[in-house]
Protein backbone atom coordinates (compact mmCIF):
# COMPACT_ATOMS: atom_id res chain seq x y z
CA UNK A 1 18.95 -21.90 14.13
CA UNK A 2 18.91 -18.76 12.52
CA UNK A 3 16.44 -15.76 13.53
CA UNK A 4 15.73 -15.70 9.80
CA UNK A 5 14.42 -19.48 9.41
CA UNK A 6 11.59 -19.46 11.90
CA UNK A 7 8.08 -20.44 10.47
CA UNK A 8 6.08 -20.67 13.41
CA UNK A 9 5.26 -17.00 14.68
CA UNK A 10 4.87 -16.19 18.29
CA UNK A 11 1.38 -15.33 19.85
CA UNK A 12 2.96 -11.69 20.64
CA UNK A 13 4.31 -11.30 17.11
CA UNK A 14 1.13 -12.52 15.14
CA UNK A 15 -0.73 -9.63 17.30
CA UNK A 16 1.91 -7.58 16.09
CA UNK A 17 1.45 -8.67 12.50
CA UNK A 18 -2.17 -8.17 13.04
CA UNK A 19 -1.53 -4.92 14.30
CA UNK A 20 0.25 -3.35 11.52
CA UNK A 21 -1.69 -4.52 8.24
CA UNK A 22 -5.07 -3.32 10.24
CA UNK A 23 -2.81 -0.06 10.99
CA UNK A 24 -2.13 -0.23 7.38
CA UNK A 25 -6.30 -1.01 6.64
CA UNK A 26 -7.21 2.02 8.47
CA UNK A 27 -4.89 4.19 6.55
CA UNK A 28 -6.78 4.13 3.58
CA UNK A 29 -10.17 5.59 5.38
CA UNK A 30 -7.46 8.27 6.93
CA UNK A 31 -6.44 9.21 3.14
CA UNK A 32 -10.03 10.04 2.45
CA UNK A 33 -9.91 12.17 5.56
CA UNK A 34 -6.96 14.18 4.78
CA UNK A 35 -8.06 14.65 1.11
CA UNK A 36 -11.25 16.81 2.65
CA UNK A 37 -8.55 19.13 3.19
CA UNK A 38 -5.18 18.82 1.20
CA UNK A 39 -4.96 17.90 -2.81
CA UNK A 40 -3.04 14.26 -3.93
CA UNK A 41 0.32 16.22 -4.37
CA UNK A 42 -0.22 18.00 -0.96
CA UNK A 43 -0.70 14.98 1.07
CA UNK A 44 1.53 13.24 -0.40
CA UNK A 45 3.87 15.58 0.15
CA UNK A 46 2.85 16.06 3.77
CA UNK A 47 3.03 12.63 4.30
CA UNK A 48 7.05 11.82 2.92
CA UNK A 49 8.21 14.77 4.34
CA UNK A 50 7.16 13.17 7.53
CA UNK A 51 8.20 10.20 6.85
CA UNK A 52 11.55 11.40 5.61
CA UNK A 53 12.57 12.86 9.43
CA UNK A 54 13.79 9.18 10.10
CA UNK A 55 17.21 10.10 7.91
CA UNK A 56 18.27 12.66 10.85
CA UNK A 57 18.99 9.10 12.94
CA UNK A 58 18.91 6.69 10.55
CA UNK A 59 21.88 5.72 7.99
CA UNK A 60 21.00 5.07 4.38
CA UNK A 61 20.69 2.02 2.91
CA UNK A 62 23.65 0.18 0.84
CA UNK A 63 22.46 0.87 -2.33
CA UNK A 64 22.62 3.22 -5.11
CA UNK A 65 21.41 6.34 -5.54
CA UNK A 66 20.22 5.68 -9.09
CA UNK A 67 17.76 2.65 -7.22
CA UNK A 68 16.69 4.67 -4.64
CA UNK A 69 15.20 7.45 -6.15
CA UNK A 70 13.53 4.72 -7.99
CA UNK A 71 12.40 3.01 -5.58
CA UNK A 72 11.22 6.32 -4.09
CA UNK A 73 9.49 7.02 -7.48
CA UNK A 74 7.63 3.67 -8.12
CA UNK A 75 6.96 2.23 -4.72
CA UNK A 76 5.72 5.75 -2.85
CA UNK A 77 5.18 8.35 -5.40
CA UNK A 78 3.33 6.77 -8.40
CA UNK A 79 1.56 4.54 -5.62
CA UNK A 80 0.04 7.03 -2.97
CA UNK A 81 -0.21 9.58 -6.19
CA UNK A 82 -2.32 8.12 -7.65
CA UNK A 83 -3.69 6.50 -5.04
CA UNK A 84 -4.91 10.17 -3.47
CA UNK A 85 -5.92 10.75 -6.90
CA UNK A 86 -8.39 7.64 -7.33
CA UNK A 87 -10.01 8.56 -3.57
CA UNK A 88 -10.44 12.19 -4.90
CA UNK A 89 -11.88 11.17 -8.32
CA UNK A 90 -14.97 9.34 -5.89
CA UNK A 91 -13.18 6.07 -5.15
CA UNK A 92 -14.43 4.60 -1.89
CA UNK A 93 -11.85 4.24 0.45
CA UNK A 94 -13.15 0.01 1.46
CA UNK A 95 -12.66 -0.32 -2.64
CA UNK A 96 -9.37 1.23 -3.09
CA UNK A 97 -8.35 -1.10 0.41
CA UNK A 98 -8.92 -4.21 -2.23
CA UNK A 99 -8.09 -3.14 -5.79
CA UNK A 100 -4.76 -1.88 -4.38
CA UNK A 101 -4.00 -5.37 -3.55
CA UNK A 102 -4.13 -6.29 -7.73
CA UNK A 103 -0.11 -5.13 -6.81
CA UNK A 104 0.35 -8.84 -5.53
CA UNK A 105 -0.25 -10.61 -8.94
CA UNK A 106 0.46 -7.58 -10.93
CA UNK A 107 4.27 -7.92 -9.20
CA UNK A 108 3.97 -11.87 -9.58
CA UNK A 109 3.91 -11.30 -13.45
CA UNK A 110 6.38 -8.51 -13.76
CA UNK A 111 8.53 -10.73 -11.93
CA UNK A 112 8.29 -13.42 -14.65
CA UNK A 113 9.25 -10.81 -17.01
CA UNK A 114 11.87 -8.42 -15.33
CA UNK A 115 13.52 -10.91 -12.72
CA UNK A 116 12.78 -14.60 -15.21
CA UNK A 117 10.66 -16.00 -11.81
CA UNK A 118 8.77 -18.93 -12.65
CA UNK A 119 5.24 -18.83 -11.20
CA UNK A 120 3.96 -22.22 -9.99
CA UNK A 121 0.44 -23.48 -10.15
CA UNK A 122 -0.39 -22.17 -7.17
CA UNK A 123 0.38 -18.68 -8.04
CA UNK A 124 -0.76 -18.86 -11.70
CA UNK A 125 -4.32 -20.14 -9.90
CA UNK A 126 -4.64 -17.44 -7.34
CA UNK A 127 -3.75 -14.71 -10.25
CA UNK A 128 -6.94 -16.23 -12.19
CA UNK A 129 -8.95 -15.78 -8.95
CA UNK A 130 -7.96 -11.88 -8.17
CA UNK A 131 -8.31 -11.44 -11.97
CA UNK A 132 -12.11 -12.58 -11.89
CA UNK A 133 -12.26 -11.11 -8.78
CA UNK A 134 -11.12 -7.57 -10.32
CA UNK A 135 -13.53 -8.64 -13.89
CA UNK A 136 -16.61 -8.74 -11.43
CA UNK A 137 -16.00 -5.45 -9.48
CA UNK A 138 -15.32 -3.87 -12.98
CA UNK A 139 -18.86 -4.82 -13.86
CA UNK A 140 -20.21 -3.13 -10.64
CA UNK A 141 -18.54 0.64 -12.08
CA UNK A 142 -20.57 3.16 -12.48
CA UNK A 143 -22.83 2.59 -9.75
CA UNK A 144 -21.24 5.60 -7.48
CA UNK A 145 -17.45 4.60 -8.38
CA UNK A 146 -15.92 6.16 -11.74
CA UNK A 147 -14.42 4.42 -13.75
CA UNK A 148 -11.76 6.86 -14.48
CA UNK A 149 -10.87 6.68 -11.04
CA UNK A 150 -10.90 3.11 -10.65
CA UNK A 151 -8.21 3.14 -13.87
CA UNK A 152 -6.00 5.38 -11.54
CA UNK A 153 -6.73 3.43 -8.83
CA UNK A 154 -5.07 0.27 -10.97
CA UNK A 155 -2.15 2.52 -11.81
CA UNK A 156 -1.31 3.03 -8.46
CA UNK A 157 -1.16 -0.57 -7.73
CA UNK A 158 1.28 -1.40 -10.95
CA UNK A 159 3.96 1.64 -9.97
CA UNK A 160 3.77 -0.19 -6.26
CA UNK A 161 4.42 -3.77 -8.25
CA UNK A 162 6.94 -2.18 -9.88
CA UNK A 163 8.61 -0.88 -6.83
CA UNK A 164 7.78 -4.54 -5.47
CA UNK A 165 10.07 -5.68 -8.09
CA UNK A 166 13.04 -3.00 -7.55
CA UNK A 167 13.25 -4.06 -3.69
CA UNK A 168 13.14 -7.97 -4.77
CA UNK A 169 16.72 -7.19 -6.85
CA UNK A 170 18.03 -5.78 -4.15
CA UNK A 171 17.88 -8.76 -1.73
CA UNK A 172 18.49 -8.28 1.77
CA UNK A 173 18.60 -4.65 3.33
CA UNK A 174 17.03 -3.23 6.21
CA UNK A 175 12.98 -2.56 5.20
CA UNK A 176 12.93 0.54 7.49
CA UNK A 177 15.69 2.32 6.35
CA UNK A 178 15.09 1.48 2.77
CA UNK A 179 11.63 2.97 3.72
CA UNK A 180 12.90 6.19 5.76
CA UNK A 181 15.47 6.89 3.10
CA UNK A 182 12.86 6.49 0.03
CA UNK A 183 10.31 8.61 1.33
CA UNK A 184 12.75 11.52 0.27
CA UNK A 185 11.76 11.46 -2.72
CA UNK A 186 8.19 11.73 -3.02
CA UNK A 187 8.04 15.14 -1.86
CA UNK A 188 9.96 16.92 -4.48
CA UNK A 189 7.46 15.54 -7.88
CA UNK A 190 4.58 16.37 -5.41
CA UNK A 191 6.13 19.69 -4.54
CA UNK A 192 6.36 20.37 -8.54
CA UNK A 193 3.06 19.41 -8.92
CA UNK A 194 1.67 21.70 -6.40
CA UNK A 195 2.74 24.36 -8.08
CA UNK A 196 1.88 23.43 -11.89
CA UNK A 197 -1.88 22.08 -10.63
CA UNK A 198 -2.33 23.69 -7.22
CA UNK A 199 -1.60 27.33 -7.19
CA UNK A 200 1.75 27.18 -6.43
CA UNK A 201 3.80 25.71 -3.76
CA UNK A 202 2.71 28.43 -1.26
CA UNK A 203 -1.18 27.06 -1.60
CA UNK A 204 -0.33 24.10 1.05
CA UNK A 205 0.19 27.03 3.77
CA UNK A 206 -3.26 28.10 2.92
CA UNK A 207 -4.46 24.58 2.96
CA UNK A 208 -2.75 23.45 6.32
CA UNK A 209 -4.48 27.36 8.10
CA UNK A 210 -8.12 25.61 7.05
CA UNK A 211 -7.56 22.41 7.58
CA UNK A 212 -9.27 20.09 10.28
CA UNK A 213 -7.52 18.66 13.08
CA UNK A 214 -8.90 15.33 11.46
CA UNK A 215 -6.86 15.83 8.15
CA UNK A 216 -3.96 17.10 10.34
CA UNK A 217 -4.20 13.84 12.74
CA UNK A 218 -4.62 11.77 9.47
CA UNK A 219 -1.22 13.50 8.18
CA UNK A 220 0.89 12.83 11.17
CA UNK A 221 -1.15 9.14 11.18
CA UNK A 222 0.24 8.75 7.71
CA UNK A 223 3.47 9.61 7.89
CA UNK A 224 4.64 8.24 11.61
CA UNK A 225 2.64 5.67 12.42
CA UNK A 226 1.43 4.24 9.29
CA UNK A 227 4.96 4.88 7.08
CA UNK A 228 7.53 4.77 10.22
CA UNK A 229 5.94 2.60 12.89
CA UNK A 230 4.40 0.13 10.36
CA UNK A 231 7.12 -0.65 8.44
CA UNK A 232 9.51 -0.54 11.38
CA UNK A 233 7.41 -3.34 13.30
CA UNK A 234 6.66 -5.63 9.83
CA UNK A 235 10.58 -5.59 8.73
CA UNK A 236 11.73 -6.73 11.91
CA UNK A 237 9.09 -9.30 11.85
CA UNK A 238 10.77 -10.12 8.20
CA UNK A 239 14.20 -10.27 9.60
CA UNK A 240 12.70 -12.83 12.34
CA UNK A 241 10.91 -15.18 10.60
CA UNK A 242 10.12 -16.33 7.00
CA UNK A 243 8.55 -14.14 4.29
CA UNK A 244 5.48 -17.53 4.31
CA UNK A 245 4.73 -17.06 7.77
CA UNK A 246 4.29 -13.29 7.87
CA UNK A 247 2.66 -12.82 4.43
CA UNK A 248 -0.51 -14.11 4.98
CA UNK A 249 -1.27 -11.49 7.35
CA UNK A 250 -1.93 -9.00 4.92
CA UNK A 251 -4.77 -10.00 3.92
CA UNK A 252 -6.02 -8.44 7.18
CA UNK A 253 -5.23 -5.05 5.12
CA UNK A 254 -7.88 -4.80 2.43
CA UNK A 255 -10.66 -5.75 5.46
CA UNK A 256 -9.96 -4.15 7.73
CA UNK A 257 -10.35 -1.09 5.72
CA UNK A 258 -13.68 -1.91 3.99
CA UNK A 259 -14.98 -2.64 7.07
CA UNK A 260 -13.66 0.48 8.83
CA UNK A 261 -14.80 2.53 5.69
CA UNK A 262 -17.92 0.90 5.92
CA UNK A 263 -18.05 2.22 9.61
CA UNK A 264 -16.82 5.70 9.24
CA UNK A 265 -18.14 6.82 5.60
CA UNK A 266 -21.42 4.13 6.17
CA UNK A 267 -19.86 2.79 2.26
CA UNK A 268 -22.38 0.88 0.71
CA UNK A 269 -21.15 -2.86 -0.85
CA UNK A 270 -23.76 -4.66 -3.34
CA UNK A 271 -23.97 -8.14 -3.20
CA UNK A 272 -22.39 -8.33 -7.12
CA UNK A 273 -19.13 -6.00 -5.82
CA UNK A 274 -18.75 -7.74 -2.53
CA UNK A 275 -18.32 -10.73 -4.14
CA UNK A 276 -15.48 -9.59 -6.55
CA UNK A 277 -14.20 -8.59 -3.47
CA UNK A 278 -14.22 -11.77 -1.71
CA UNK A 279 -12.99 -13.40 -4.55
CA UNK A 280 -10.03 -11.05 -5.18
CA UNK A 281 -8.99 -11.56 -1.45
CA UNK A 282 -9.11 -15.18 -1.89
CA UNK A 283 -7.12 -15.17 -5.04
CA UNK A 284 -4.60 -12.77 -3.11
CA UNK A 285 -4.26 -15.09 -0.38
CA UNK A 286 -3.49 -18.62 -2.79
CA UNK A 287 -0.86 -16.29 -4.27
CA UNK A 288 0.37 -14.93 -1.43
CA UNK A 289 0.09 -18.34 1.23
CA UNK A 290 2.72 -20.95 1.06
CA UNK A 291 1.31 -24.48 -0.64
CA UNK A 292 1.89 -25.91 3.05
CA UNK A 293 0.47 -23.04 5.17
CA UNK A 294 -2.76 -24.47 4.17
CA UNK A 295 -2.29 -28.06 4.79
CA UNK A 296 -0.80 -26.73 8.60
CA UNK A 297 -4.31 -25.16 8.73
């Protein structure tokens, strides 16, 4: 039997999948910590400069430079520059972790129009549930959450989904190698933005000299743990098991992000916003979980 065909994960690998999802959930909170010392463009530059160090020992994936750059611009540059900007504008970390997951229904929709995929009834129901949850969350904006920051976060999720479709178009590729090499792209536009908006590219040296140890730690976490380690483990699980077995663990990301933000920043979720977040997570579960997964559980 081929390794890729396995659908039942061992206990050890279930723990690893949950650990990676938790690492990514905590990353939303640490992004906010990093933004206390760095601008969004500086944090993007530092995160992916760290992650790109992996090109020193990992070979380039067998795809064209054009496609690699497009993936780097959408999956990483657009997603994280906008995500960090949204947080800097006042988007709470916990809510960001949940709203970011709109990338899942966005990806399904884009795949319909770009790749010609045909959605299942289950996916349509899941997307509608997530959309209703998003509308409910939107109705609570203005109560500590700027509408502009929320819209920027949606743009981040849309950029993420475009990157997902590009990756899907590639087919089978070593995800760790792809993520590390795609990390070469974000530092360049981030450097340009620093030059235009942050008082010159040398401003990052001043920010580094004044940064708290917590912010420095967040950069190390985001670059090495959340990006390199996270994608290495997640990619190895996707090689060993079917995507249907691994994908549902991604539901832990918004949950861990929201809980961590509550514990670290005391983020408060009013009942209506909490209901919208819960509905979005349910919609995400319906969208990404295979139908027989519900029958088995």
